Amino acid sequence: MNTSLRRPLLTLVGAPAAALAVWALAVPLAGTILTVRMGAGTQTVGPVSVVVASLVAGLAGWALLAALERWAPRPGRVWTITALVVLALSLTGPLGSAVGAAATLVLVLLHLVVGAVLVPGLARR
């Protein structure tokens, strides 16, 4: 496999895997119910949602990095700063819509775990 593709592909697999591990520890093992408010109702956050959301975040991050590498003078630095800002903004989701303190804590942890894999994993040297 091309070495320039190995790291981002491993990162794109690692982020959902890490998030799914956190979900598995929190939901089936610890018994936390991950529920978020959606409009007038609520929705339970299941394993498919966790995997899809982390994959979408990873693919979006990779696409942004590819664009920056083509057009920005310092793509790694711009990407890392942008990724950290997006991660911080993403925390408003669980902080504002999670139902209960345990769900809020787990959902924030899921965001941070995905960010902890994606930010260094996609950043170029």
PDB file of N, CA and C in Angstrom:
ATOM      1  N   MET A   1       0.847  -1.183   0.000  1.00  0.00           N
ATOM      2  CA  MET A   1       0.000   0.000   0.000  1.00  0.00           C
ATOM      3  C   MET A   1       0.887   1.239   0.000  1.00  0.00           C
ATOM      4  N   ASN A   2       0.443   2.234  -0.683  1.00  0.00           N
ATOM      5  CA  ASN A   2       1.151   3.506  -0.755  1.00  0.00           C
ATOM      6  C   ASN A   2       1.287   4.085   0.652  1.00  0.00           C
ATOM      7  N   THR A   3       2.498   4.428   1.038  1.00  0.00           N
ATOM      8  CA  THR A   3       2.726   4.946   2.392  1.00  0.00           C
ATOM      9  C   THR A   3       2.013   6.265   2.635  1.00  0.00           C
ATOM     10  N   SER A   4       1.784   7.050   1.596  1.00  0.00           N
ATOM     11  CA  SER A   4       1.080   8.325   1.804  1.00  0.00           C
ATOM     12  C   SER A   4      -0.395   8.101   2.088  1.00  0.00           C
ATOM     13  N   LEU A   5      -0.924   6.941   1.749  1.00  0.00           N
ATOM     14  CA  LEU A   5      -2.332   6.627   2.032  1.00  0.00           C
ATOM     15  C   LEU A   5      -2.510   5.812   3.306  1.00  0.00           C
ATOM     16  N   ARG A   6      -1.469   5.133   3.744  1.00  0.00           N
ATOM     17  CA  ARG A   6      -1.595   4.225   4.885  1.00  0.00           C
ATOM     18  C   ARG A   6      -2.047   4.950   6.150  1.00  0.00           C
ATOM     19  N   ARG A   7      -1.376   6.051   6.478  1.00  0.00           N
ATOM     20  CA  ARG A   7      -1.692   6.759   7.717  1.00  0.00           C
ATOM     21  C   ARG A   7      -3.120   7.314   7.737  1.00  0.00           C
ATOM     22  N   PRO A   8      -3.574   8.032   6.688  1.00  0.00           N
ATOM     23  CA  PRO A   8      -4.950   8.524   6.742  1.00  0.00           C
ATOM     24  C   PRO A   8      -5.987   7.402   6.752  1.00  0.00           C
ATOM     25  N   LEU A   9      -5.717   6.314   6.029  1.00  0.00           N
ATOM     26  CA  LEU A   9      -6.684   5.213   6.032  1.00  0.00           C
ATOM     27  C   LEU A   9      -6.757   4.540   7.405  1.00  0.00           C
ATOM     28  N   LEU A  10      -5.601   4.361   8.035  1.00  0.00           N
ATOM     29  CA  LEU A  10      -5.613   3.804   9.398  1.00  0.00           C
ATOM     30  C   LEU A  10      -6.328   4.748  10.365  1.00  0.00           C
ATOM     31  N   THR A  11      -6.142   6.032  10.158  1.00  0.00           N
ATOM     32  CA  THR A  11      -6.815   7.019  11.000  1.00  0.00           C
ATOM     33  C   THR A  11      -8.322   6.965  10.784  1.00  0.00           C
ATOM     34  N   LEU A  12      -8.749   6.824   9.531  1.00  0.00           N
ATOM     35  CA  LEU A  12     -10.182   6.768   9.237  1.00  0.00           C
ATOM     36  C   LEU A  12     -10.832   5.499   9.784  1.00  0.00           C
ATOM     37  N   VAL A  13     -10.056   4.454   9.976  1.00  0.00           N
ATOM     38  CA  VAL A  13     -10.571   3.235  10.606  1.00  0.00           C
ATOM     39  C   VAL A  13     -10.466   3.357  12.129  1.00  0.00           C
ATOM     40  N   GLY A  14      -9.401   3.992  12.590  1.00  0.00           N
ATOM     41  CA  GLY A  14      -9.160   4.098  14.031  1.00  0.00           C
ATOM     42  C   GLY A  14     -10.148   4.977  14.769  1.00  0.00           C
ATOM     43  N   ALA A  15     -10.574   6.067  14.142  1.00  0.00           N
ATOM     44  CA  ALA A  15     -11.511   6.981  14.819  1.00  0.00           C
ATOM     45  C   ALA A  15     -12.847   6.305  15.127  1.00  0.00           C
ATOM     46  N   PRO A  16     -13.494   5.650  14.154  1.00  0.00           N
ATOM     47  CA  PRO A  16     -14.736   4.944  14.492  1.00  0.00           C
ATOM     48  C   PRO A  16     -14.514   3.794  15.464  1.00  0.00           C
ATOM     49  N   ALA A  17     -13.376   3.110  15.347  1.00  0.00           N
ATOM     50  CA  ALA A  17     -13.091   2.000  16.260  1.00  0.00           C
ATOM     51  C   ALA A  17     -12.959   2.497  17.696  1.00  0.00           C
ATOM     52  N   ALA A  18     -12.242   3.600  17.874  1.00  0.00           N
ATOM     53  CA  ALA A  18     -12.081   4.172  19.219  1.00  0.00           C
ATOM     54  C   ALA A  18     -13.420   4.656  19.769  1.00  0.00           C
ATOM     55  N   ALA A  19     -14.195   5.317  18.916  1.00  0.00           N
ATOM     56  CA  ALA A  19     -15.511   5.808  19.354  1.00  0.00           C
ATOM     57  C   ALA A  19     -16.432   4.643  19.710  1.00  0.00           C
ATOM     58  N   LEU A  20     -16.394   3.603  18.906  1.00  0.00           N
ATOM     59  CA  LEU A  20     -17.232   2.437  19.175  1.00  0.00           C
ATOM     60  C   LEU A  20     -16.821   1.745  20.473  1.00  0.00           C
ATOM     61  N   ALA A  21     -15.540   1.745  20.772  1.00  0.00           N
ATOM     62  CA  ALA A  21     -15.072   1.163  22.037  1.00  0.00           C
ATOM     63  C   ALA A  21     -15.609   1.960  23.225  1.00  0.00           C
ATOM     64  N   VAL A  22     -15.572   3.287  23.125  1.00  0.00           N
ATOM     65  CA  VAL A  22     -16.125   4.125  24.200  1.00  0.00           C
ATOM     66  C   VAL A  22     -17.622   3.875  24.332  1.00  0.00           C
ATOM     67  N   TRP A  23     -18.318   3.827  23.194  1.00  0.00           N
ATOM     68  CA  TRP A  23     -19.768   3.574  23.220  1.00  0.00           C
ATOM     69  C   TRP A  23     -20.059   2.228  23.890  1.00  0.00           C
ATOM     70  N   ALA A  24     -19.283   1.198  23.534  1.00  0.00           N
ATOM     71  CA  ALA A  24     -19.507  -0.135  24.098  1.00  0.00           C
ATOM     72  C   ALA A  24     -19.267  -0.169  25.597  1.00  0.00           C
ATOM     73  N   LEU A  25     -18.276   0.566  26.069  1.00  0.00           N
ATOM     74  CA  LEU A  25     -18.026   0.631  27.514  1.00  0.00           C
ATOM     75  C   LEU A  25     -19.140   1.393  28.233  1.00  0.00           C
ATOM     76  N   ALA A  26     -19.622   2.450  27.613  1.00  0.00           N
ATOM     77  CA  ALA A  26     -20.596   3.319  28.280  1.00  0.00           C
ATOM     78  C   ALA A  26     -22.019   2.791  28.207  1.00  0.00           C
ATOM     79  N   VAL A  27     -22.405   2.236  27.072  1.00  0.00           N
ATOM     80  CA  VAL A  27     -23.811   1.867  26.898  1.00  0.00           C
ATOM     81  C   VAL A  27     -24.088   0.437  27.335  1.00  0.00           C
ATOM     82  N   PRO A  28     -23.610  -0.585  26.629  1.00  0.00           N
ATOM     83  CA  PRO A  28     -23.952  -1.935  27.070  1.00  0.00           C
ATOM     84  C   PRO A  28     -23.337  -2.322  28.417  1.00  0.00           C
ATOM     85  N   LEU A  29     -22.076  -1.928  28.652  1.00  0.00           N
ATOM     86  CA  LEU A  29     -21.421  -2.350  29.890  1.00  0.00           C
ATOM     87  C   LEU A  29     -21.826  -1.511  31.098  1.00  0.00           C
ATOM     88  N   ALA A  30     -21.799  -0.190  30.966  1.00  0.00           N
ATOM     89  CA  ALA A  30     -22.115   0.676  32.109  1.00  0.00           C
ATOM     90  C   ALA A  30     -23.606   0.988  32.212  1.00  0.00           C
ATOM     91  N   GLY A  31     -24.357   0.737  31.148  1.00  0.00           N
ATOM     92  CA  GLY A  31     -25.801   0.961  31.189  1.00  0.00           C
ATOM     93  C   GLY A  31     -26.240   2.396  30.971  1.00  0.00           C
ATOM     94  N   THR A  32     -25.367   3.228  30.427  1.00  0.00           N
ATOM     95  CA  THR A  32     -25.735   4.613  30.144  1.00  0.00           C
ATOM     96  C   THR A  32     -26.683   4.642  28.950  1.00  0.00           C
ATOM     97  N   ILE A  33     -27.695   5.469  29.033  1.00  0.00           N
ATOM     98  CA  ILE A  33     -28.626   5.643  27.921  1.00  0.00           C
ATOM     99  C   ILE A  33     -28.245   6.945  27.219  1.00  0.00           C
ATOM    100  N   LEU A  34     -27.786   6.830  25.974  1.00  0.00           N
ATOM    101  CA  LEU A  34     -27.378   8.005  25.214  1.00  0.00           C
ATOM    102  C   LEU A  34     -28.569   8.519  24.413  1.00  0.00           C
ATOM    103  N   THR A  35     -29.175   9.563  24.938  1.00  0.00           N
ATOM    104  CA  THR A  35     -30.338  10.159  24.294  1.00  0.00           C
ATOM    105  C   THR A  35     -30.069  11.632  24.062  1.00  0.00           C
ATOM    106  N   VAL A  36     -30.465  12.108  22.881  1.00  0.00           N
ATOM    107  CA  VAL A  36     -30.329  13.525  22.545  1.00  0.00           C
ATOM    108  C   VAL A  36     -31.682  14.074  22.114  1.00  0.00           C
ATOM    109  N   ARG A  37     -31.876  15.370  22.365  1.00  0.00           N
ATOM    110  CA  ARG A  37     -33.090  16.041  21.910  1.00  0.00           C
ATOM    111  C   ARG A  37     -32.947  16.367  20.433  1.00  0.00           C
ATOM    112  N   MET A  38     -33.962  16.015  19.668  1.00  0.00           N
ATOM    113  CA  MET A  38     -33.999  16.313  18.237  1.00  0.00           C
ATOM    114  C   MET A  38     -35.346  16.959  17.937  1.00  0.00           C
ATOM    115  N   GLY A  39     -35.343  18.270  17.809  1.00  0.00           N
ATOM    116  CA  GLY A  39     -36.609  18.965  17.575  1.00  0.00           C
ATOM    117  C   GLY A  39     -37.526  18.801  18.773  1.00  0.00           C
ATOM    118  N   ALA A  40     -38.723  18.284  18.542  1.00  0.00           N
ATOM    119  CA  ALA A  40     -39.690  18.101  19.619  1.00  0.00           C
ATOM    120  C   ALA A  40     -39.520  16.766  20.332  1.00  0.00           C
ATOM    121  N   GLY A  41     -38.735  15.845  19.754  1.00  0.00           N
ATOM    122  CA  GLY A  41     -38.580  14.519  20.337  1.00  0.00           C
ATOM    123  C   GLY A  41     -37.168  14.243  20.795  1.00  0.00           C
ATOM    124  N   THR A  42     -36.913  12.969  21.026  1.00  0.00           N
ATOM    125  CA  THR A  42     -35.572  12.533  21.405  1.00  0.00           C
ATOM    126  C   THR A  42     -35.153  11.374  20.516  1.00  0.00           C
ATOM    127  N   GLN A  43     -33.843  11.143  20.480  1.00  0.00           N
ATOM    128  CA  GLN A  43     -33.307  10.041  19.683  1.00  0.00           C
ATOM    129  C   GLN A  43     -32.193   9.377  20.470  1.00  0.00           C
ATOM    130  N   THR A  44     -32.151   8.063  20.425  1.00  0.00           N
ATOM    131  CA  THR A  44     -31.087   7.312  21.078  1.00  0.00           C
ATOM    132  C   THR A  44     -29.896   7.215  20.133  1.00  0.00           C
ATOM    133  N   VAL A  45     -28.714   7.405  20.680  1.00  0.00           N
ATOM    134  CA  VAL A  45     -27.486   7.317  19.885  1.00  0.00           C
ATOM    135  C   VAL A  45     -26.984   5.880  19.970  1.00  0.00           C
ATOM    136  N   GLY A  46     -27.035   5.201  18.831  1.00  0.00           N
ATOM    137  CA  GLY A  46     -26.609   3.805  18.762  1.00  0.00           C
ATOM    138  C   GLY A  46     -25.250   3.663  18.106  1.00  0.00           C
ATOM    139  N   PRO A  47     -24.782   2.433  17.967  1.00  0.00           N
ATOM    140  CA  PRO A  47     -23.449   2.194  17.413  1.00  0.00           C
ATOM    141  C   PRO A  47     -23.321   2.630  15.949  1.00  0.00           C
ATOM    142  N   VAL A  48     -24.376   2.495  15.175  1.00  0.00           N
ATOM    143  CA  VAL A  48     -24.311   2.908  13.771  1.00  0.00           C
ATOM    144  C   VAL A  48     -24.124   4.412  13.681  1.00  0.00           C
ATOM    145  N   SER A  49     -24.838   5.166  14.498  1.00  0.00           N
ATOM    146  CA  SER A  49     -24.690   6.624  14.512  1.00  0.00           C
ATOM    147  C   SER A  49     -23.269   7.029  14.893  1.00  0.00           C
ATOM    148  N   VAL A  50     -22.707   6.330  15.844  1.00  0.00           N
ATOM    149  CA  VAL A  50     -21.345   6.635  16.307  1.00  0.00           C
ATOM    150  C   VAL A  50     -20.340   6.392  15.186  1.00  0.00           C
ATOM    151  N   VAL A  51     -20.456   5.262  14.507  1.00  0.00           N
ATOM    152  CA  VAL A  51     -19.524   4.928  13.425  1.00  0.00           C
ATOM    153  C   VAL A  51     -19.690   5.883  12.248  1.00  0.00           C
ATOM    154  N   VAL A  52     -20.937   6.124  11.847  1.00  0.00           N
ATOM    155  CA  VAL A  52     -21.183   7.002  10.697  1.00  0.00           C
ATOM    156  C   VAL A  52     -20.698   8.422  10.979  1.00  0.00           C
ATOM    157  N   ALA A  53     -20.999   8.951  12.146  1.00  0.00           N
ATOM    158  CA  ALA A  53     -20.586  10.324  12.476  1.00  0.00           C
ATOM    159  C   ALA A  53     -19.063  10.451  12.496  1.00  0.00           C
ATOM    160  N   SER A  54     -18.371   9.474  13.055  1.00  0.00           N
ATOM    161  CA  SER A  54     -16.913   9.571  13.102  1.00  0.00           C
ATOM    162  C   SER A  54     -16.294   9.373  11.717  1.00  0.00           C
ATOM    163  N   LEU A  55     -16.897   8.536  10.877  1.00  0.00           N
ATOM    164  CA  LEU A  55     -16.414   8.392   9.503  1.00  0.00           C
ATOM    165  C   LEU A  55     -16.621   9.671   8.699  1.00  0.00           C
ATOM    166  N   VAL A  56     -17.786  10.282   8.852  1.00  0.00           N
ATOM    167  CA  VAL A  56     -18.068  11.530   8.142  1.00  0.00           C
ATOM    168  C   VAL A  56     -17.079  12.612   8.582  1.00  0.00           C
ATOM    169  N   ALA A  57     -16.839  12.702   9.880  1.00  0.00           N
ATOM    170  CA  ALA A  57     -15.880  13.695  10.382  1.00  0.00           C
ATOM    171  C   ALA A  57     -14.484  13.431   9.820  1.00  0.00           C
ATOM    172  N   GLY A  58     -14.078  12.182   9.789  1.00  0.00           N
ATOM    173  CA  GLY A  58     -12.764  11.842   9.271  1.00  0.00           C
ATOM    174  C   GLY A  58     -12.623  12.131   7.788  1.00  0.00           C
ATOM    175  N   LEU A  59     -13.633  11.782   7.018  1.00  0.00           N
ATOM    176  CA  LEU A  59     -13.582  12.048   5.577  1.00  0.00           C
ATOM    177  C   LEU A  59     -13.596  13.545   5.287  1.00  0.00           C
ATOM    178  N   ALA A  60     -14.390  14.292   6.047  1.00  0.00           N
ATOM    179  CA  ALA A  60     -14.420  15.753   5.866  1.00  0.00           C
ATOM    180  C   ALA A  60     -13.066  16.362   6.223  1.00  0.00           C
ATOM    181  N   GLY A  61     -12.468  15.889   7.303  1.00  0.00           N
ATOM    182  CA  GLY A  61     -11.153  16.379   7.694  1.00  0.00           C
ATOM    183  C   GLY A  61     -10.093  16.068   6.658  1.00  0.00           C
ATOM    184  N   TRP A  62     -10.137  14.868   6.115  1.00  0.00           N
ATOM    185  CA  TRP A  62      -9.173  14.461   5.094  1.00  0.00           C
ATOM    186  C   TRP A  62      -9.347  15.298   3.823  1.00  0.00           C
ATOM    187  N   ALA A  63     -10.596  15.539   3.435  1.00  0.00           N
ATOM    188  CA  ALA A  63     -10.868  16.362   2.249  1.00  0.00           C
ATOM    189  C   ALA A  63     -10.366  17.790   2.452  1.00  0.00           C
ATOM    190  N   LEU A  64     -10.606  18.341   3.638  1.00  0.00           N
ATOM    191  CA  LEU A  64     -10.109  19.693   3.918  1.00  0.00           C
ATOM    192  C   LEU A  64      -8.587  19.725   3.871  1.00  0.00           C
ATOM    193  N   LEU A  65      -7.955  18.732   4.456  1.00  0.00           N
ATOM    194  CA  LEU A  65      -6.496  18.673   4.442  1.00  0.00           C
ATOM    195  C   LEU A  65      -5.962  18.587   3.013  1.00  0.00           C
ATOM    196  N   ALA A  66      -6.605  17.786   2.173  1.00  0.00           N
ATOM    197  CA  ALA A  66      -6.171  17.665   0.776  1.00  0.00           C
ATOM    198  C   ALA A  66      -6.288  19.006   0.055  1.00  0.00           C
ATOM    199  N   ALA A  67      -7.383  19.725   0.305  1.00  0.00           N
ATOM    200  CA  ALA A  67      -7.552  21.040  -0.323  1.00  0.00           C
ATOM    201  C   ALA A  67      -6.501  22.022   0.193  1.00  0.00           C
ATOM    202  N   LEU A  68      -6.254  22.006   1.481  1.00  0.00           N
ATOM    203  CA  LEU A  68      -5.254  22.913   2.048  1.00  0.00           C
ATOM    204  C   LEU A  68      -3.848  22.598   1.530  1.00  0.00           C
ATOM    205  N   GLU A  69      -3.544  21.325   1.367  1.00  0.00           N
ATOM    206  CA  GLU A  69      -2.222  20.950   0.855  1.00  0.00           C
ATOM    207  C   GLU A  69      -2.017  21.452  -0.573  1.00  0.00           C
ATOM    208  N   ARG A  70      -3.102  21.627  -1.262  1.00  0.00           N
ATOM    209  CA  ARG A  70      -2.996  22.113  -2.642  1.00  0.00           C
ATOM    210  C   ARG A  70      -2.890  23.637  -2.715  1.00  0.00           C
ATOM    211  N   TRP A  71      -3.605  24.351  -1.817  1.00  0.00           N
ATOM    212  CA  TRP A  71      -3.727  25.794  -1.958  1.00  0.00           C
ATOM    213  C   TRP A  71      -3.162  26.632  -0.814  1.00  0.00           C
ATOM    214  N   ALA A  72      -2.946  26.063   0.336  1.00  0.00           N
ATOM    215  CA  ALA A  72      -2.494  26.867   1.479  1.00  0.00           C
ATOM    216  C   ALA A  72      -0.973  26.806   1.610  1.00  0.00           C
ATOM    217  N   PRO A  73      -0.351  27.906   2.064  1.00  0.00           N
ATOM    218  CA  PRO A  73       1.106  27.909   2.219  1.00  0.00           C
ATOM    219  C   PRO A  73       1.598  27.015   3.361  1.00  0.00           C
ATOM    220  N   ARG A  74       0.851  26.908   4.447  1.00  0.00           N
ATOM    221  CA  ARG A  74       1.232  26.051   5.582  1.00  0.00           C
ATOM    222  C   ARG A  74       0.051  25.141   5.924  1.00  0.00           C
ATOM    223  N   PRO A  75      -0.204  24.134   5.101  1.00  0.00           N
ATOM    224  CA  PRO A  75      -1.429  23.342   5.242  1.00  0.00           C
ATOM    225  C   PRO A  75      -1.555  22.596   6.566  1.00  0.00           C
ATOM    226  N   GLY A  76      -0.462  22.049   7.068  1.00  0.00           N
ATOM    227  CA  GLY A  76      -0.532  21.294   8.329  1.00  0.00           C
ATOM    228  C   GLY A  76      -0.954  22.156   9.493  1.00  0.00           C
ATOM    229  N   ARG A  77      -0.377  23.322   9.570  1.00  0.00           N
ATOM    230  CA  ARG A  77      -0.703  24.240  10.668  1.00  0.00           C
ATOM    231  C   ARG A  77      -2.134  24.745  10.557  1.00  0.00           C
ATOM    232  N   VAL A  78      -2.540  25.147   9.346  1.00  0.00           N
ATOM    233  CA  VAL A  78      -3.907  25.638   9.129  1.00  0.00           C
ATOM    234  C   VAL A  78      -4.906  24.534   9.424  1.00  0.00           C
ATOM    235  N   TRP A  79      -4.591  23.307   8.982  1.00  0.00           N
ATOM    236  CA  TRP A  79      -5.514  22.202   9.209  1.00  0.00           C
ATOM    237  C   TRP A  79      -5.657  21.887  10.699  1.00  0.00           C
ATOM    238  N   THR A  80      -4.550  21.842  11.404  1.00  0.00           N
ATOM    239  CA  THR A  80      -4.599  21.511  12.828  1.00  0.00           C
ATOM    240  C   THR A  80      -5.411  22.550  13.605  1.00  0.00           C
ATOM    241  N   ILE A  81      -5.184  23.823  13.331  1.00  0.00           N
ATOM    242  CA  ILE A  81      -5.939  24.875  14.014  1.00  0.00           C
ATOM    243  C   ILE A  81      -7.415  24.771  13.666  1.00  0.00           C
ATOM    244  N   THR A  82      -7.711  24.578  12.387  1.00  0.00           N
ATOM    245  CA  THR A  82      -9.113  24.449  11.962  1.00  0.00           C
ATOM    246  C   THR A  82      -9.765  23.232  12.608  1.00  0.00           C
ATOM    247  N   ALA A  83      -9.058  22.106  12.634  1.00  0.00           N
ATOM    248  CA  ALA A  83      -9.604  20.883  13.226  1.00  0.00           C
ATOM    249  C   ALA A  83      -9.896  21.061  14.714  1.00  0.00           C
ATOM    250  N   LEU A  84      -9.010  21.739  15.428  1.00  0.00           N
ATOM    251  CA  LEU A  84      -9.244  21.962  16.862  1.00  0.00           C
ATOM    252  C   LEU A  84     -10.414  22.910  17.109  1.00  0.00           C
ATOM    253  N   VAL A  85     -10.566  23.905  16.253  1.00  0.00           N
ATOM    254  CA  VAL A  85     -11.717  24.813  16.373  1.00  0.00           C
ATOM    255  C   VAL A  85     -13.013  24.055  16.087  1.00  0.00           C
ATOM    256  N   VAL A  86     -13.010  23.238  15.048  1.00  0.00           N
ATOM    257  CA  VAL A  86     -14.204  22.441  14.721  1.00  0.00           C
ATOM    258  C   VAL A  86     -14.514  21.470  15.858  1.00  0.00           C
ATOM    259  N   LEU A  87     -13.500  20.858  16.434  1.00  0.00           N
ATOM    260  CA  LEU A  87     -13.715  19.959  17.571  1.00  0.00           C
ATOM    261  C   LEU A  87     -14.358  20.708  18.732  1.00  0.00           C
ATOM    262  N   ALA A  88     -13.829  21.885  19.051  1.00  0.00           N
ATOM    263  CA  ALA A  88     -14.401  22.675  20.148  1.00  0.00           C
ATOM    264  C   ALA A  88     -15.857  23.043  19.857  1.00  0.00           C
ATOM    265  N   LEU A  89     -16.134  23.439  18.623  1.00  0.00           N
ATOM    266  CA  LEU A  89     -17.514  23.789  18.257  1.00  0.00           C
ATOM    267  C   LEU A  89     -18.430  22.573  18.277  1.00  0.00           C
ATOM    268  N   SER A  90     -17.884  21.408  17.946  1.00  0.00           N
ATOM    269  CA  SER A  90     -18.712  20.201  17.938  1.00  0.00           C
ATOM    270  C   SER A  90     -19.207  19.831  19.333  1.00  0.00           C
ATOM    271  N   LEU A  91     -18.496  20.282  20.349  1.00  0.00           N
ATOM    272  CA  LEU A  91     -18.904  19.978  21.723  1.00  0.00           C
ATOM    273  C   LEU A  91     -20.196  20.680  22.110  1.00  0.00           C
ATOM    274  N   THR A  92     -20.580  21.713  21.372  1.00  0.00           N
ATOM    275  CA  THR A  92     -21.853  22.382  21.672  1.00  0.00           C
ATOM    276  C   THR A  92     -23.031  21.452  21.411  1.00  0.00           C
ATOM    277  N   GLY A  93     -22.864  20.480  20.517  1.00  0.00           N
ATOM    278  CA  GLY A  93     -23.935  19.514  20.246  1.00  0.00           C
ATOM    279  C   GLY A  93     -24.331  18.741  21.489  1.00  0.00           C
ATOM    280  N   PRO A  94     -23.411  17.945  22.049  1.00  0.00           N
ATOM    281  CA  PRO A  94     -23.786  17.188  23.244  1.00  0.00           C
ATOM    282  C   PRO A  94     -24.060  18.075  24.457  1.00  0.00           C
ATOM    283  N   LEU A  95     -23.358  19.195  24.562  1.00  0.00           N
ATOM    284  CA  LEU A  95     -23.595  20.065  25.715  1.00  0.00           C
ATOM    285  C   LEU A  95     -24.983  20.697  25.673  1.00  0.00           C
ATOM    286  N   GLY A  96     -25.528  20.875  24.486  1.00  0.00           N
ATOM    287  CA  GLY A  96     -26.828  21.518  24.360  1.00  0.00           C
ATOM    288  C   GLY A  96     -27.998  20.587  24.139  1.00  0.00           C
ATOM    289  N   SER A  97     -27.729  19.344  23.699  1.00  0.00           N
ATOM    290  CA  SER A  97     -28.868  18.499  23.345  1.00  0.00           C
ATOM    291  C   SER A  97     -28.915  17.149  24.047  1.00  0.00           C
ATOM    292  N   ALA A  98     -27.885  16.780  24.765  1.00  0.00           N
ATOM    293  CA  ALA A  98     -27.902  15.489  25.456  1.00  0.00           C
ATOM    294  C   ALA A  98     -28.914  15.518  26.597  1.00  0.00           C
ATOM    295  N   VAL A  99     -29.539  14.377  26.837  1.00  0.00           N
ATOM    296  CA  VAL A  99     -30.524  14.254  27.902  1.00  0.00           C
ATOM    297  C   VAL A  99     -29.854  13.594  29.105  1.00  0.00           C
ATOM    298  N   GLY A 100     -29.555  14.387  30.121  1.00  0.00           N
ATOM    299  CA  GLY A 100     -28.946  13.866  31.336  1.00  0.00           C
ATOM    300  C   GLY A 100     -27.446  14.073  31.386  1.00  0.00           C
ATOM    301  N   ALA A 101     -26.935  14.076  32.598  1.00  0.00           N
ATOM    302  CA  ALA A 101     -25.511  14.328  32.813  1.00  0.00           C
ATOM    303  C   ALA A 101     -24.638  13.193  32.284  1.00  0.00           C
ATOM    304  N   ALA A 102     -25.063  11.956  32.474  1.00  0.00           N
ATOM    305  CA  ALA A 102     -24.270  10.819  32.004  1.00  0.00           C
ATOM    306  C   ALA A 102     -24.182  10.814  30.485  1.00  0.00           C
ATOM    307  N   ALA A 103     -25.288  11.059  29.831  1.00  0.00           N
ATOM    308  CA  ALA A 103     -25.285  11.107  28.363  1.00  0.00           C
ATOM    309  C   ALA A 103     -24.407  12.252  27.869  1.00  0.00           C
ATOM    310  N   THR A 104     -24.480  13.385  28.529  1.00  0.00           N
ATOM    311  CA  THR A 104     -23.649  14.527  28.143  1.00  0.00           C
ATOM    312  C   THR A 104     -22.177  14.167  28.268  1.00  0.00           C
ATOM    313  N   LEU A 105     -21.799  13.571  29.377  1.00  0.00           N
ATOM    314  CA  LEU A 105     -20.404  13.195  29.608  1.00  0.00           C
ATOM    315  C   LEU A 105     -19.908  12.206  28.557  1.00  0.00           C
ATOM    316  N   VAL A 106     -20.689  11.187  28.269  1.00  0.00           N
ATOM    317  CA  VAL A 106     -20.275  10.166  27.303  1.00  0.00           C
ATOM    318  C   VAL A 106     -20.200  10.756  25.898  1.00  0.00           C
ATOM    319  N   LEU A 107     -21.172  11.570  25.519  1.00  0.00           N
ATOM    320  CA  LEU A 107     -21.157  12.157  24.180  1.00  0.00           C
ATOM    321  C   LEU A 107     -19.989  13.130  24.001  1.00  0.00           C
ATOM    322  N   VAL A 108     -19.683  13.911  25.022  1.00  0.00           N
ATOM    323  CA  VAL A 108     -18.509  14.784  24.964  1.00  0.00           C
ATOM    324  C   VAL A 108     -17.248  13.926  24.835  1.00  0.00           C
ATOM    325  N   LEU A 109     -17.178  12.854  25.598  1.00  0.00           N
ATOM    326  CA  LEU A 109     -16.029  11.953  25.514  1.00  0.00           C
ATOM    327  C   LEU A 109     -15.904  11.343  24.121  1.00  0.00           C
ATOM    328  N   LEU A 110     -17.017  10.979  23.502  1.00  0.00           N
ATOM    329  CA  LEU A 110     -16.977  10.443  22.143  1.00  0.00           C
ATOM    330  C   LEU A 110     -16.386  11.464  21.170  1.00  0.00           C
ATOM    331  N   HIS A 111     -16.817  12.718  21.280  1.00  0.00           N
ATOM    332  CA  HIS A 111     -16.280  13.772  20.413  1.00  0.00           C
ATOM    333  C   HIS A 111     -14.772  13.927  20.636  1.00  0.00           C
ATOM    334  N   LEU A 112     -14.360  13.941  21.888  1.00  0.00           N
ATOM    335  CA  LEU A 112     -12.946  14.130  22.201  1.00  0.00           C
ATOM    336  C   LEU A 112     -12.088  12.954  21.741  1.00  0.00           C
ATOM    337  N   VAL A 113     -12.604  11.746  21.858  1.00  0.00           N
ATOM    338  CA  VAL A 113     -11.858  10.561  21.421  1.00  0.00           C
ATOM    339  C   VAL A 113     -11.680  10.573  19.905  1.00  0.00           C
ATOM    340  N   VAL A 114     -12.746  10.883  19.182  1.00  0.00           N
ATOM    341  CA  VAL A 114     -12.638  10.960  17.720  1.00  0.00           C
ATOM    342  C   VAL A 114     -11.648  12.061  17.337  1.00  0.00           C
ATOM    343  N   GLY A 115     -11.729  13.209  18.001  1.00  0.00           N
ATOM    344  CA  GLY A 115     -10.784  14.292  17.738  1.00  0.00           C
ATOM    345  C   GLY A 115      -9.357  13.896  18.064  1.00  0.00           C
ATOM    346  N   ALA A 116      -9.179  13.154  19.149  1.00  0.00           N
ATOM    347  CA  ALA A 116      -7.835  12.738  19.556  1.00  0.00           C
ATOM    348  C   ALA A 116      -7.211  11.767  18.553  1.00  0.00           C
ATOM    349  N   VAL A 117      -8.028  11.053  17.809  1.00  0.00           N
ATOM    350  CA  VAL A 117      -7.508  10.166  16.771  1.00  0.00           C
ATOM    351  C   VAL A 117      -7.310  10.933  15.460  1.00  0.00           C
ATOM    352  N   LEU A 118      -8.314  11.732  15.083  1.00  0.00           N
ATOM    353  CA  LEU A 118      -8.270  12.399  13.777  1.00  0.00           C
ATOM    354  C   LEU A 118      -7.231  13.515  13.687  1.00  0.00           C
ATOM    355  N   VAL A 119      -7.144  14.355  14.699  1.00  0.00           N
ATOM    356  CA  VAL A 119      -6.258  15.523  14.597  1.00  0.00           C
ATOM    357  C   VAL A 119      -4.800  15.107  14.402  1.00  0.00           C
ATOM    358  N   PRO A 120      -4.230  14.300  15.268  1.00  0.00           N
ATOM    359  CA  PRO A 120      -2.831  13.916  15.014  1.00  0.00           C
ATOM    360  C   PRO A 120      -2.690  12.898  13.873  1.00  0.00           C
ATOM    361  N   GLY A 121      -3.716  12.082  13.670  1.00  0.00           N
ATOM    362  CA  GLY A 121      -3.626  11.044  12.646  1.00  0.00           C
ATOM    363  C   GLY A 121      -3.642  11.575  11.232  1.00  0.00           C
ATOM    364  N   LEU A 122      -4.368  12.649  11.007  1.00  0.00           N
ATOM    365  CA  LEU A 122      -4.430  13.225   9.661  1.00  0.00           C
ATOM    366  C   LEU A 122      -3.403  14.321   9.445  1.00  0.00           C
ATOM    367  N   ALA A 123      -2.898  14.906  10.512  1.00  0.00           N
ATOM    368  CA  ALA A 123      -1.920  16.001  10.366  1.00  0.00           C
ATOM    369  C   ALA A 123      -0.669  15.480   9.666  1.00  0.00           C
ATOM    370  N   ARG A 124      -0.165  16.284   8.777  1.00  0.00           N
ATOM    371  CA  ARG A 124       1.046  15.921   8.033  1.00  0.00           C
ATOM    372  C   ARG A 124       2.256  16.562   8.702  1.00  0.00           C
ATOM    373  N   ARG A 125       3.402  15.938   8.563  1.00  0.00           N
ATOM    374  CA  ARG A 125       4.632  16.514   9.116  1.00  0.00           C
ATOM    375  C   ARG A 125       5.293  17.382   8.097  1.00  0.00           C
TER     376      ARG A 125
END
